[in-house]
């Protein structure tokens, strides 16, 4: 057996193992269908926040809980000093509320979206 044949067999085994990972993931997802519905109901009932993907600043840990100006809380002209701030944008609801040129743009902290008033 040539060395190239061994390399080809090793590559084929690796590709086969990789494909089996997807088959196993599909099997596990199908088996956990009821559990996923229960977790979704529990998250809605407990009103849990979004998944914390980053650990640097509060506005990158929980984007739905941040306002557009929290990245510049130290100084209005301060540059973004956390790398994850450039990876995620503000939540769509905040962008809609704070649209440029909107004379009535208000922050959610100022009561935007309150129906109790």
PDB file of N, CA and C in Angstrom:
ATOM      1  N   UNK A   1       0.844  -1.173   0.000  1.00  0.00           N
ATOM      2  CA  UNK A   1       0.000   0.000   0.000  1.00  0.00           C
ATOM      3  C   UNK A   1       0.895   1.243   0.000  1.00  0.00           C
ATOM      4  N   UNK A   2       0.572   2.150  -0.911  1.00  0.00           N
ATOM      5  CA  UNK A   2       1.356   3.369  -1.024  1.00  0.00           C
ATOM      6  C   UNK A   2       0.993   4.344   0.099  1.00  0.00           C
ATOM      7  N   UNK A   3       1.873   5.263   0.448  1.00  0.00           N
ATOM      8  CA  UNK A   3       1.542   6.267   1.468  1.00  0.00           C
ATOM      9  C   UNK A   3       0.339   7.132   1.077  1.00  0.00           C
ATOM     10  N   UNK A   4       0.173   7.379  -0.210  1.00  0.00           N
ATOM     11  CA  UNK A   4      -0.968   8.177  -0.655  1.00  0.00           C
ATOM     12  C   UNK A   4      -2.276   7.431  -0.413  1.00  0.00           C
ATOM     13  N   UNK A   5      -2.262   6.094  -0.547  1.00  0.00           N
ATOM     14  CA  UNK A   5      -3.455   5.304  -0.268  1.00  0.00           C
ATOM     15  C   UNK A   5      -3.833   5.386   1.208  1.00  0.00           C
ATOM     16  N   UNK A   6      -2.828   5.347   2.067  1.00  0.00           N
ATOM     17  CA  UNK A   6      -3.088   5.471   3.506  1.00  0.00           C
ATOM     18  C   UNK A   6      -3.679   6.841   3.832  1.00  0.00           C
ATOM     19  N   UNK A   7      -3.130   7.864   3.212  1.00  0.00           N
ATOM     20  CA  UNK A   7      -3.645   9.216   3.434  1.00  0.00           C
ATOM     21  C   UNK A   7      -5.089   9.322   2.944  1.00  0.00           C
ATOM     22  N   UNK A   8      -5.376   8.694   1.799  1.00  0.00           N
ATOM     23  CA  UNK A   8      -6.735   8.727   1.274  1.00  0.00           C
ATOM     24  C   UNK A   8      -7.695   7.995   2.210  1.00  0.00           C
ATOM     25  N   UNK A   9      -7.296   6.838   2.730  1.00  0.00           N
ATOM     26  CA  UNK A   9      -8.146   6.102   3.663  1.00  0.00           C
ATOM     27  C   UNK A   9      -8.387   6.896   4.956  1.00  0.00           C
ATOM     28  N   UNK A  10      -7.340   7.563   5.425  1.00  0.00           N
ATOM     29  CA  UNK A  10      -7.477   8.383   6.628  1.00  0.00           C
ATOM     30  C   UNK A  10      -8.433   9.554   6.369  1.00  0.00           C
ATOM     31  N   UNK A  11      -8.304  10.165   5.213  1.00  0.00           N
ATOM     32  CA  UNK A  11      -9.196  11.260   4.848  1.00  0.00           C
ATOM     33  C   UNK A  11     -10.635  10.769   4.707  1.00  0.00           C
ATOM     34  N   UNK A  12     -10.835   9.618   4.083  1.00  0.00           N
ATOM     35  CA  UNK A  12     -12.168   9.057   3.925  1.00  0.00           C
ATOM     36  C   UNK A  12     -12.782   8.709   5.283  1.00  0.00           C
ATOM     37  N   UNK A  13     -11.981   8.171   6.189  1.00  0.00           N
ATOM     38  CA  UNK A  13     -12.477   7.854   7.535  1.00  0.00           C
ATOM     39  C   UNK A  13     -12.868   9.133   8.271  1.00  0.00           C
ATOM     40  N   UNK A  14     -12.089  10.173   8.126  1.00  0.00           N
ATOM     41  CA  UNK A  14     -12.414  11.448   8.763  1.00  0.00           C
ATOM     42  C   UNK A  14     -13.700  12.053   8.212  1.00  0.00           C
ATOM     43  N   UNK A  15     -13.868  11.993   6.909  1.00  0.00           N
ATOM     44  CA  UNK A  15     -15.095  12.511   6.289  1.00  0.00           C
ATOM     45  C   UNK A  15     -16.299  11.684   6.729  1.00  0.00           C
ATOM     46  N   UNK A  16     -16.114  10.374   6.812  1.00  0.00           N
ATOM     47  CA  UNK A  16     -17.197   9.509   7.279  1.00  0.00           C
ATOM     48  C   UNK A  16     -17.584   9.814   8.726  1.00  0.00           C
ATOM     49  N   UNK A  17     -16.592  10.021   9.593  1.00  0.00           N
ATOM     50  CA  UNK A  17     -16.879  10.361  10.993  1.00  0.00           C
ATOM     51  C   UNK A  17     -17.572  11.717  11.086  1.00  0.00           C
ATOM     52  N   UNK A  18     -17.161  12.647  10.248  1.00  0.00           N
ATOM     53  CA  UNK A  18     -17.787  13.969  10.231  1.00  0.00           C
ATOM     54  C   UNK A  18     -19.247  13.858   9.802  1.00  0.00           C
ATOM     55  N   UNK A  19     -19.526  13.056   8.793  1.00  0.00           N
ATOM     56  CA  UNK A  19     -20.905  12.861   8.334  1.00  0.00           C
ATOM     57  C   UNK A  19     -21.745  12.180   9.413  1.00  0.00           C
ATOM     58  N   UNK A  20     -21.157  11.241  10.127  1.00  0.00           N
ATOM     59  CA  UNK A  20     -21.885  10.570  11.209  1.00  0.00           C
ATOM     60  C   UNK A  20     -22.238  11.539  12.340  1.00  0.00           C
ATOM     61  N   UNK A  21     -21.430  12.568  12.539  1.00  0.00           N
ATOM     62  CA  UNK A  21     -21.761  13.592  13.542  1.00  0.00           C
ATOM     63  C   UNK A  21     -23.070  14.285  13.192  1.00  0.00           C
ATOM     64  N   UNK A  22     -23.291  14.575  11.918  1.00  0.00           N
ATOM     65  CA  UNK A  22     -24.532  15.220  11.490  1.00  0.00           C
ATOM     66  C   UNK A  22     -25.716  14.271  11.626  1.00  0.00           C
ATOM     67  N   UNK A  23     -25.504  12.994  11.322  1.00  0.00           N
ATOM     68  CA  UNK A  23     -26.571  12.007  11.468  1.00  0.00           C
ATOM     69  C   UNK A  23     -26.963  11.887  12.942  1.00  0.00           C
ATOM     70  N   UNK A  24     -25.982  11.845  13.823  1.00  0.00           N
ATOM     71  CA  UNK A  24     -26.251  11.752  15.253  1.00  0.00           C
ATOM     72  C   UNK A  24     -26.956  13.008  15.764  1.00  0.00           C
ATOM     73  N   UNK A  25     -26.538  14.181  15.281  1.00  0.00           N
ATOM     74  CA  UNK A  25     -27.182  15.428  15.701  1.00  0.00           C
ATOM     75  C   UNK A  25     -28.642  15.455  15.266  1.00  0.00           C
ATOM     76  N   UNK A  26     -28.938  14.983  14.072  1.00  0.00           N
ATOM     77  CA  UNK A  26     -30.321  14.941  13.596  1.00  0.00           C
ATOM     78  C   UNK A  26     -31.153  13.971  14.440  1.00  0.00           C
ATOM     79  N   UNK A  27     -30.552  12.854  14.800  1.00  0.00           N
ATOM     80  CA  UNK A  27     -31.245  11.871  15.641  1.00  0.00           C
ATOM     81  C   UNK A  27     -31.547  12.454  17.025  1.00  0.00           C
ATOM     82  N   UNK A  28     -30.576  13.137  17.604  1.00  0.00           N
ATOM     83  CA  UNK A  28     -30.782  13.734  18.922  1.00  0.00           C
ATOM     84  C   UNK A  28     -31.793  14.876  18.890  1.00  0.00           C
ATOM     85  N   UNK A  29     -31.782  15.651  17.812  1.00  0.00           N
ATOM     86  CA  UNK A  29     -32.745  16.748  17.693  1.00  0.00           C
ATOM     87  C   UNK A  29     -34.165  16.205  17.585  1.00  0.00           C
ATOM     88  N   UNK A  30     -34.343  15.139  16.824  1.00  0.00           N
ATOM     89  CA  UNK A  30     -35.674  14.537  16.691  1.00  0.00           C
ATOM     90  C   UNK A  30     -36.143  13.965  18.033  1.00  0.00           C
ATOM     91  N   UNK A  31     -35.226  13.392  18.782  1.00  0.00           N
ATOM     92  CA  UNK A  31     -35.586  12.815  20.074  1.00  0.00           C
ATOM     93  C   UNK A  31     -35.904  13.890  21.109  1.00  0.00           C
ATOM     94  N   UNK A  32     -35.339  15.077  20.964  1.00  0.00           N
ATOM     95  CA  UNK A  32     -35.529  16.139  21.949  1.00  0.00           C
ATOM     96  C   UNK A  32     -36.592  17.139  21.525  1.00  0.00           C
ATOM     97  N   UNK A  33     -37.431  16.815  20.575  1.00  0.00           N
ATOM     98  CA  UNK A  33     -38.457  17.742  20.087  1.00  0.00           C
ATOM     99  C   UNK A  33     -39.411  18.196  21.187  1.00  0.00           C
ATOM    100  N   UNK A  34     -39.886  17.280  21.998  1.00  0.00           N
ATOM    101  CA  UNK A  34     -40.811  17.634  23.082  1.00  0.00           C
ATOM    102  C   UNK A  34     -40.104  18.453  24.152  1.00  0.00           C
ATOM    103  N   UNK A  35     -38.862  18.118  24.429  1.00  0.00           N
ATOM    104  CA  UNK A  35     -38.099  18.877  25.423  1.00  0.00           C
ATOM    105  C   UNK A  35     -37.878  20.314  24.972  1.00  0.00           C
ATOM    106  N   UNK A  36     -37.669  20.516  23.689  1.00  0.00           N
ATOM    107  CA  UNK A  36     -37.442  21.861  23.178  1.00  0.00           C
ATOM    108  C   UNK A  36     -38.692  22.717  23.318  1.00  0.00           C
ATOM    109  N   UNK A  37     -39.850  22.142  23.059  1.00  0.00           N
ATOM    110  CA  UNK A  37     -41.104  22.875  23.231  1.00  0.00           C
ATOM    111  C   UNK A  37     -41.317  23.239  24.698  1.00  0.00           C
ATOM    112  N   UNK A  38     -40.974  22.337  25.592  1.00  0.00           N
ATOM    113  CA  UNK A  38     -41.111  22.607  27.030  1.00  0.00           C
ATOM    114  C   UNK A  38     -40.147  23.714  27.460  1.00  0.00           C
ATOM    115  N   UNK A  39     -38.904  23.678  26.966  1.00  0.00           N
ATOM    116  CA  UNK A  39     -37.937  24.738  27.302  1.00  0.00           C
ATOM    117  C   UNK A  39     -38.386  26.089  26.755  1.00  0.00           C
ATOM    118  N   UNK A  40     -38.955  26.107  25.565  1.00  0.00           N
ATOM    119  CA  UNK A  40     -39.456  27.353  24.987  1.00  0.00           C
ATOM    120  C   UNK A  40     -40.584  27.917  25.839  1.00  0.00           C
ATOM    121  N   UNK A  41     -41.475  27.067  26.290  1.00  0.00           N
ATOM    122  CA  UNK A  41     -42.564  27.517  27.161  1.00  0.00           C
ATOM    123  C   UNK A  41     -42.022  28.054  28.483  1.00  0.00           C
ATOM    124  N   UNK A  42     -41.023  27.386  29.055  1.00  0.00           N
ATOM    125  CA  UNK A  42     -40.437  27.810  30.323  1.00  0.00           C
ATOM    126  C   UNK A  42     -39.732  29.161  30.183  1.00  0.00           C
ATOM    127  N   UNK A  43     -39.011  29.358  29.090  1.00  0.00           N
ATOM    128  CA  UNK A  43     -38.336  30.637  28.846  1.00  0.00           C
ATOM    129  C   UNK A  43     -39.356  31.760  28.738  1.00  0.00           C
ATOM    130  N   UNK A  44     -40.450  31.516  28.050  1.00  0.00           N
ATOM    131  CA  UNK A  44     -41.495  32.538  27.918  1.00  0.00           C
ATOM    132  C   UNK A  44     -42.170  32.810  29.262  1.00  0.00           C
ATOM    133  N   UNK A  45     -42.400  31.764  30.041  1.00  0.00           N
ATOM    134  CA  UNK A  45     -43.058  31.919  31.330  1.00  0.00           C
ATOM    135  C   UNK A  45     -42.175  32.687  32.315  1.00  0.00           C
ATOM    136  N   UNK A  46     -40.877  32.391  32.322  1.00  0.00           N
ATOM    137  CA  UNK A  46     -39.957  33.049  33.256  1.00  0.00           C
ATOM    138  C   UNK A  46     -39.418  34.369  32.733  1.00  0.00           C
ATOM    139  N   UNK A  47     -39.741  34.691  31.472  1.00  0.00           N
ATOM    140  CA  UNK A  47     -39.290  35.936  30.831  1.00  0.00           C
ATOM    141  C   UNK A  47     -37.768  36.078  30.905  1.00  0.00           C
ATOM    142  N   UNK A  48     -37.071  35.028  30.498  1.00  0.00           N
ATOM    143  CA  UNK A  48     -35.619  35.035  30.513  1.00  0.00           C
ATOM    144  C   UNK A  48     -35.078  35.927  29.408  1.00  0.00           C
ATOM    145  N   UNK A  49     -33.910  36.491  29.632  1.00  0.00           N
ATOM    146  CA  UNK A  49     -33.297  37.359  28.627  1.00  0.00           C
ATOM    147  C   UNK A  49     -32.596  36.525  27.574  1.00  0.00           C
ATOM    148  N   UNK A  50     -31.986  37.201  26.637  1.00  0.00           N
ATOM    149  CA  UNK A  50     -31.294  36.519  25.555  1.00  0.00           C
ATOM    150  C   UNK A  50     -30.033  35.812  26.048  1.00  0.00           C
ATOM    151  N   UNK A  51     -29.507  34.972  25.213  1.00  0.00           N
ATOM    152  CA  UNK A  51     -28.313  34.208  25.518  1.00  0.00           C
ATOM    153  C   UNK A  51     -27.109  35.132  25.629  1.00  0.00           C
ATOM    154  N   UNK A  52     -26.305  34.963  26.663  1.00  0.00           N
ATOM    155  CA  UNK A  52     -25.100  35.769  26.836  1.00  0.00           C
ATOM    156  C   UNK A  52     -23.978  35.153  26.011  1.00  0.00           C
ATOM    157  N   UNK A  53     -23.671  35.760  24.864  1.00  0.00           N
ATOM    158  CA  UNK A  53     -22.657  35.219  23.968  1.00  0.00           C
ATOM    159  C   UNK A  53     -21.264  35.745  24.269  1.00  0.00           C
ATOM    160  N   UNK A  54     -21.176  36.959  24.782  1.00  0.00           N
ATOM    161  CA  UNK A  54     -19.886  37.587  25.038  1.00  0.00           C
ATOM    162  C   UNK A  54     -19.795  37.946  26.512  1.00  0.00           C
ATOM    163  N   UNK A  55     -18.574  38.079  27.019  1.00  0.00           N
ATOM    164  CA  UNK A  55     -18.386  38.328  28.450  1.00  0.00           C
ATOM    165  C   UNK A  55     -17.777  39.684  28.752  1.00  0.00           C
ATOM    166  N   UNK A  56     -17.615  40.538  27.766  1.00  0.00           N
ATOM    167  CA  UNK A  56     -16.868  41.763  27.995  1.00  0.00           C
ATOM    168  C   UNK A  56     -17.687  42.852  28.679  1.00  0.00           C
ATOM    169  N   UNK A  57     -18.576  43.468  27.973  1.00  0.00           N
ATOM    170  CA  UNK A  57     -19.330  44.597  28.512  1.00  0.00           C
ATOM    171  C   UNK A  57     -20.800  44.236  28.604  1.00  0.00           C
ATOM    172  N   UNK A  58     -21.520  44.956  29.452  1.00  0.00           N
ATOM    173  CA  UNK A  58     -22.936  44.618  29.657  1.00  0.00           C
ATOM    174  C   UNK A  58     -23.744  44.755  28.383  1.00  0.00           C
ATOM    175  N   UNK A  59     -23.375  45.682  27.510  1.00  0.00           N
ATOM    176  CA  UNK A  59     -24.151  45.876  26.284  1.00  0.00           C
ATOM    177  C   UNK A  59     -23.798  44.855  25.214  1.00  0.00           C
ATOM    178  N   UNK A  60     -22.736  44.077  25.406  1.00  0.00           N
ATOM    179  CA  UNK A  60     -22.467  42.968  24.489  1.00  0.00           C
ATOM    180  C   UNK A  60     -22.920  41.638  25.087  1.00  0.00           C
ATOM    181  N   UNK A  61     -23.047  41.573  26.413  1.00  0.00           N
ATOM    182  CA  UNK A  61     -23.556  40.343  27.035  1.00  0.00           C
ATOM    183  C   UNK A  61     -25.045  40.178  26.773  1.00  0.00           C
ATOM    184  N   UNK A  62     -25.796  41.257  26.917  1.00  0.00           N
ATOM    185  CA  UNK A  62     -27.244  41.204  26.760  1.00  0.00           C
ATOM    186  C   UNK A  62     -27.690  42.333  25.834  1.00  0.00           C
ATOM    187  N   UNK A  63     -27.592  42.123  24.513  1.00  0.00           N
ATOM    188  CA  UNK A  63     -27.915  43.198  23.570  1.00  0.00           C
ATOM    189  C   UNK A  63     -29.345  43.711  23.676  1.00  0.00           C
ATOM    190  N   UNK A  64     -30.282  42.868  24.051  1.00  0.00           N
ATOM    191  CA  UNK A  64     -31.669  43.335  24.126  1.00  0.00           C
ATOM    192  C   UNK A  64     -31.900  44.234  25.330  1.00  0.00           C
ATOM    193  N   UNK A  65     -30.971  44.251  26.272  1.00  0.00           N
ATOM    194  CA  UNK A  65     -31.130  45.058  27.476  1.00  0.00           C
ATOM    195  C   UNK A  65     -30.333  46.359  27.414  1.00  0.00           C
ATOM    196  N   UNK A  66     -29.641  46.599  26.316  1.00  0.00           N
ATOM    197  CA  UNK A  66     -28.764  47.767  26.214  1.00  0.00           C
ATOM    198  C   UNK A  66     -29.421  48.868  25.393  1.00  0.00           C
ATOM    199  N   UNK A  67     -28.925  50.075  25.580  1.00  0.00           N
ATOM    200  CA  UNK A  67     -29.385  51.179  24.747  1.00  0.00           C
ATOM    201  C   UNK A  67     -28.274  51.527  23.755  1.00  0.00           C
ATOM    202  N   UNK A  68     -28.567  52.397  22.807  1.00  0.00           N
ATOM    203  CA  UNK A  68     -27.606  52.705  21.749  1.00  0.00           C
ATOM    204  C   UNK A  68     -26.398  53.474  22.249  1.00  0.00           C
ATOM    205  N   UNK A  69     -26.496  54.120  23.395  1.00  0.00           N
ATOM    206  CA  UNK A  69     -25.419  54.987  23.859  1.00  0.00           C
ATOM    207  C   UNK A  69     -24.560  54.349  24.949  1.00  0.00           C
ATOM    208  N   UNK A  70     -24.845  53.124  25.343  1.00  0.00           N
ATOM    209  CA  UNK A  70     -24.094  52.518  26.437  1.00  0.00           C
ATOM    210  C   UNK A  70     -22.639  52.265  26.076  1.00  0.00           C
ATOM    211  N   UNK A  71     -22.321  52.143  24.801  1.00  0.00           N
ATOM    212  CA  UNK A  71     -20.917  51.957  24.417  1.00  0.00           C
ATOM    213  C   UNK A  71     -20.110  53.236  24.634  1.00  0.00           C
ATOM    214  N   UNK A  72     -20.794  54.367  24.720  1.00  0.00           N
ATOM    215  CA  UNK A  72     -20.115  55.649  24.866  1.00  0.00           C
ATOM    216  C   UNK A  72     -20.412  56.281  26.222  1.00  0.00           C
ATOM    217  N   UNK A  73     -20.630  55.452  27.239  1.00  0.00           N
ATOM    218  CA  UNK A  73     -21.000  55.968  28.543  1.00  0.00           C
ATOM    219  C   UNK A  73     -19.844  56.679  29.247  1.00  0.00           C
ATOM    220  N   UNK A  74     -18.602  56.366  28.909  1.00  0.00           N
ATOM    221  CA  UNK A  74     -17.476  57.022  29.557  1.00  0.00           C
ATOM    222  C   UNK A  74     -17.258  58.424  29.016  1.00  0.00           C
ATOM    223  N   UNK A  75     -17.445  58.598  27.732  1.00  0.00           N
ATOM    224  CA  UNK A  75     -17.240  59.894  27.087  1.00  0.00           C
ATOM    225  C   UNK A  75     -17.978  59.884  25.756  1.00  0.00           C
ATOM    226  N   UNK A  76     -18.626  60.976  25.379  1.00  0.00           N
ATOM    227  CA  UNK A  76     -19.400  60.972  24.130  1.00  0.00           C
ATOM    228  C   UNK A  76     -18.569  60.696  22.877  1.00  0.00           C
ATOM    229  N   UNK A  77     -17.291  61.039  22.891  1.00  0.00           N
ATOM    230  CA  UNK A  77     -16.447  60.805  21.721  1.00  0.00           C
ATOM    231  C   UNK A  77     -15.528  59.590  21.891  1.00  0.00           C
ATOM    232  N   UNK A  78     -15.791  58.799  22.937  1.00  0.00           N
ATOM    233  CA  UNK A  78     -14.950  57.636  23.200  1.00  0.00           C
ATOM    234  C   UNK A  78     -15.114  56.605  22.090  1.00  0.00           C
ATOM    235  N   UNK A  79     -14.026  55.961  21.746  1.00  0.00           N
ATOM    236  CA  UNK A  79     -14.071  54.901  20.750  1.00  0.00           C
ATOM    237  C   UNK A  79     -14.485  53.596  21.414  1.00  0.00           C
ATOM    238  N   UNK A  80     -15.080  52.736  20.652  1.00  0.00           N
ATOM    239  CA  UNK A  80     -15.454  51.409  21.139  1.00  0.00           C
ATOM    240  C   UNK A  80     -14.183  50.655  21.486  1.00  0.00           C
ATOM    241  N   UNK A  81     -14.030  50.242  22.736  1.00  0.00           N
ATOM    242  CA  UNK A  81     -12.804  49.559  23.133  1.00  0.00           C
ATOM    243  C   UNK A  81     -12.986  48.067  23.369  1.00  0.00           C
ATOM    244  N   UNK A  82     -14.180  47.553  23.172  1.00  0.00           N
ATOM    245  CA  UNK A  82     -14.396  46.116  23.250  1.00  0.00           C
ATOM    246  C   UNK A  82     -14.558  45.573  21.834  1.00  0.00           C
ATOM    247  N   UNK A  83     -13.799  44.561  21.459  1.00  0.00           N
ATOM    248  CA  UNK A  83     -13.895  44.025  20.091  1.00  0.00           C
ATOM    249  C   UNK A  83     -15.274  43.496  19.743  1.00  0.00           C
ATOM    250  N   UNK A  84     -16.003  42.959  20.710  1.00  0.00           N
ATOM    251  CA  UNK A  84     -17.311  42.395  20.386  1.00  0.00           C
ATOM    252  C   UNK A  84     -18.336  43.466  20.030  1.00  0.00           C
ATOM    253  N   UNK A  85     -18.076  44.701  20.387  1.00  0.00           N
ATOM    254  CA  UNK A  85     -18.981  45.772  20.014  1.00  0.00           C
ATOM    255  C   UNK A  85     -19.075  45.950  18.510  1.00  0.00           C
ATOM    256  N   UNK A  86     -18.039  45.525  17.796  1.00  0.00           N
ATOM    257  CA  UNK A  86     -18.076  45.625  16.342  1.00  0.00           C
ATOM    258  C   UNK A  86     -18.662  44.371  15.695  1.00  0.00           C
ATOM    259  N   UNK A  87     -18.913  43.332  16.472  1.00  0.00           N
ATOM    260  CA  UNK A  87     -19.444  42.084  15.927  1.00  0.00           C
ATOM    261  C   UNK A  87     -20.964  42.037  15.928  1.00  0.00           C
ATOM    262  N   UNK A  88     -21.578  42.755  16.857  1.00  0.00           N
ATOM    263  CA  UNK A  88     -23.030  42.731  16.937  1.00  0.00           C
ATOM    264  C   UNK A  88     -23.558  44.150  16.848  1.00  0.00           C
ATOM    265  N   UNK A  89     -24.725  44.288  16.266  1.00  0.00           N
ATOM    266  CA  UNK A  89     -25.365  45.587  16.187  1.00  0.00           C
ATOM    267  C   UNK A  89     -26.410  45.726  17.280  1.00  0.00           C
ATOM    268  N   UNK A  90     -27.008  46.887  17.402  1.00  0.00           N
ATOM    269  CA  UNK A  90     -28.067  47.051  18.398  1.00  0.00           C
ATOM    270  C   UNK A  90     -29.298  46.250  17.999  1.00  0.00           C
ATOM    271  N   UNK A  91     -30.140  45.917  18.955  1.00  0.00           N
ATOM    272  CA  UNK A  91     -31.357  45.175  18.646  1.00  0.00           C
ATOM    273  C   UNK A  91     -32.248  45.948  17.680  1.00  0.00           C
ATOM    274  N   UNK A  92     -33.007  45.237  16.887  1.00  0.00           N
ATOM    275  CA  UNK A  92     -33.849  45.862  15.867  1.00  0.00           C
ATOM    276  C   UNK A  92     -34.850  46.838  16.464  1.00  0.00           C
ATOM    277  N   UNK A  93     -35.376  46.531  17.641  1.00  0.00           N
ATOM    278  CA  UNK A  93     -36.328  47.429  18.280  1.00  0.00           C
ATOM    279  C   UNK A  93     -35.721  48.773  18.625  1.00  0.00           C
ATOM    280  N   UNK A  94     -34.456  48.773  19.050  1.00  0.00           N
ATOM    281  CA  UNK A  94     -33.795  50.031  19.373  1.00  0.00           C
ATOM    282  C   UNK A  94     -33.477  50.830  18.127  1.00  0.00           C
ATOM    283  N   UNK A  95     -33.077  50.148  17.081  1.00  0.00           N
ATOM    284  CA  UNK A  95     -32.771  50.849  15.832  1.00  0.00           C
ATOM    285  C   UNK A  95     -34.029  51.515  15.304  1.00  0.00           C
ATOM    286  N   UNK A  96     -35.158  50.849  15.426  1.00  0.00           N
ATOM    287  CA  UNK A  96     -36.421  51.406  14.955  1.00  0.00           C
ATOM    288  C   UNK A  96     -36.819  52.625  15.791  1.00  0.00           C
ATOM    289  N   UNK A  97     -36.618  52.541  17.113  1.00  0.00           N
ATOM    290  CA  UNK A  97     -36.970  53.654  17.994  1.00  0.00           C
ATOM    291  C   UNK A  97     -36.051  54.854  17.797  1.00  0.00           C
ATOM    292  N   UNK A  98     -34.778  54.587  17.545  1.00  0.00           N
ATOM    293  CA  UNK A  98     -33.772  55.648  17.490  1.00  0.00           C
ATOM    294  C   UNK A  98     -33.333  55.935  16.062  1.00  0.00           C
ATOM    295  N   UNK A  99     -34.208  55.817  15.104  1.00  0.00           N
ATOM    296  CA  UNK A  99     -33.854  56.005  13.701  1.00  0.00           C
ATOM    297  C   UNK A  99     -33.309  57.408  13.460  1.00  0.00           C
ATOM    298  N   UNK A 100     -32.238  57.534  12.649  1.00  0.00           N
ATOM    299  CA  UNK A 100     -31.679  58.854  12.361  1.00  0.00           C
ATOM    300  C   UNK A 100     -32.704  59.731  11.643  1.00  0.00           C
ATOM    301  N   UNK A 101     -32.751  60.971  12.016  1.00  0.00           N
ATOM    302  CA  UNK A 101     -33.665  61.899  11.393  1.00  0.00           C
ATOM    303  C   UNK A 101     -35.070  61.841  11.965  1.00  0.00           C
ATOM    304  N   UNK A 102     -35.296  60.958  12.916  1.00  0.00           N
ATOM    305  CA  UNK A 102     -36.601  60.858  13.549  1.00  0.00           C
ATOM    306  C   UNK A 102     -36.665  61.901  14.657  1.00  0.00           C
ATOM    307  N   UNK A 103     -37.448  62.975  14.491  1.00  0.00           N
ATOM    308  CA  UNK A 103     -37.471  64.029  15.503  1.00  0.00           C
ATOM    309  C   UNK A 103     -38.075  63.575  16.830  1.00  0.00           C
ATOM    310  N   UNK A 104     -38.827  62.503  16.797  1.00  0.00           N
ATOM    311  CA  UNK A 104     -39.450  62.018  18.017  1.00  0.00           C
ATOM    312  C   UNK A 104     -38.746  60.780  18.562  1.00  0.00           C
ATOM    313  N   UNK A 105     -37.476  60.591  18.198  1.00  0.00           N
ATOM    314  CA  UNK A 105     -36.740  59.417  18.666  1.00  0.00           C
ATOM    315  C   UNK A 105     -36.523  59.522  20.162  1.00  0.00           C
ATOM    316  N   UNK A 106     -36.900  58.468  20.855  1.00  0.00           N
ATOM    317  CA  UNK A 106     -36.737  58.423  22.303  1.00  0.00           C
ATOM    318  C   UNK A 106     -36.121  57.099  22.683  1.00  0.00           C
ATOM    319  N   UNK A 107     -35.493  57.081  23.815  1.00  0.00           N
ATOM    320  CA  UNK A 107     -34.895  55.864  24.328  1.00  0.00           C
ATOM    321  C   UNK A 107     -35.961  55.050  25.043  1.00  0.00           C
ATOM    322  N   UNK A 108     -35.859  53.731  25.040  1.00  0.00           N
ATOM    323  CA  UNK A 108     -36.806  52.909  25.810  1.00  0.00           C
ATOM    324  C   UNK A 108     -36.781  53.276  27.276  1.00  0.00           C
ATOM    325  N   UNK A 109     -35.639  53.774  27.784  1.00  0.00           N
ATOM    326  CA  UNK A 109     -35.552  54.189  29.179  1.00  0.00           C
ATOM    327  C   UNK A 109     -36.426  55.397  29.449  1.00  0.00           C
ATOM    328  N   UNK A 110     -36.749  56.177  28.407  1.00  0.00           N
ATOM    329  CA  UNK A 110     -37.609  57.344  28.552  1.00  0.00           C
ATOM    330  C   UNK A 110     -39.083  56.975  28.463  1.00  0.00           C
ATOM    331  N   UNK A 111     -39.375  55.707  28.333  1.00  0.00           N
ATOM    332  CA  UNK A 111     -40.762  55.269  28.304  1.00  0.00           C
ATOM    333  C   UNK A 111     -41.268  54.936  26.916  1.00  0.00           C
ATOM    334  N   UNK A 112     -40.396  54.750  25.962  1.00  0.00           N
ATOM    335  CA  UNK A 112     -40.849  54.401  24.610  1.00  0.00           C
ATOM    336  C   UNK A 112     -41.479  53.026  24.643  1.00  0.00           C
ATOM    337  N   UNK A 113     -42.620  52.918  24.045  1.00  0.00           N
ATOM    338  CA  UNK A 113     -43.297  51.632  23.977  1.00  0.00           C
ATOM    339  C   UNK A 113     -44.173  51.324  25.168  1.00  0.00           C
ATOM    340  N   UNK A 114     -44.219  52.231  26.159  1.00  0.00           N
ATOM    341  CA  UNK A 114     -45.076  51.998  27.312  1.00  0.00           C
ATOM    342  C   UNK A 114     -46.527  52.182  26.904  1.00  0.00           C
ATOM    343  N   UNK A 115     -47.338  51.218  27.222  1.00  0.00           N
ATOM    344  CA  UNK A 115     -48.759  51.336  26.909  1.00  0.00           C
ATOM    345  C   UNK A 115     -49.546  51.727  28.153  1.00  0.00           C
ATOM    346  N   UNK A 116     -48.893  51.761  29.309  1.00  0.00           N
ATOM    347  CA  UNK A 116     -49.573  52.067  30.549  1.00  0.00           C
ATOM    348  C   UNK A 116     -49.832  53.570  30.695  1.00  0.00           C
ATOM    349  N   UNK A 117     -49.133  54.399  29.926  1.00  0.00           N
ATOM    350  CA  UNK A 117     -49.285  55.849  30.079  1.00  0.00           C
ATOM    351  C   UNK A 117     -50.524  56.349  29.417  1.00  0.00           C
TER     352      UNK A 117
END
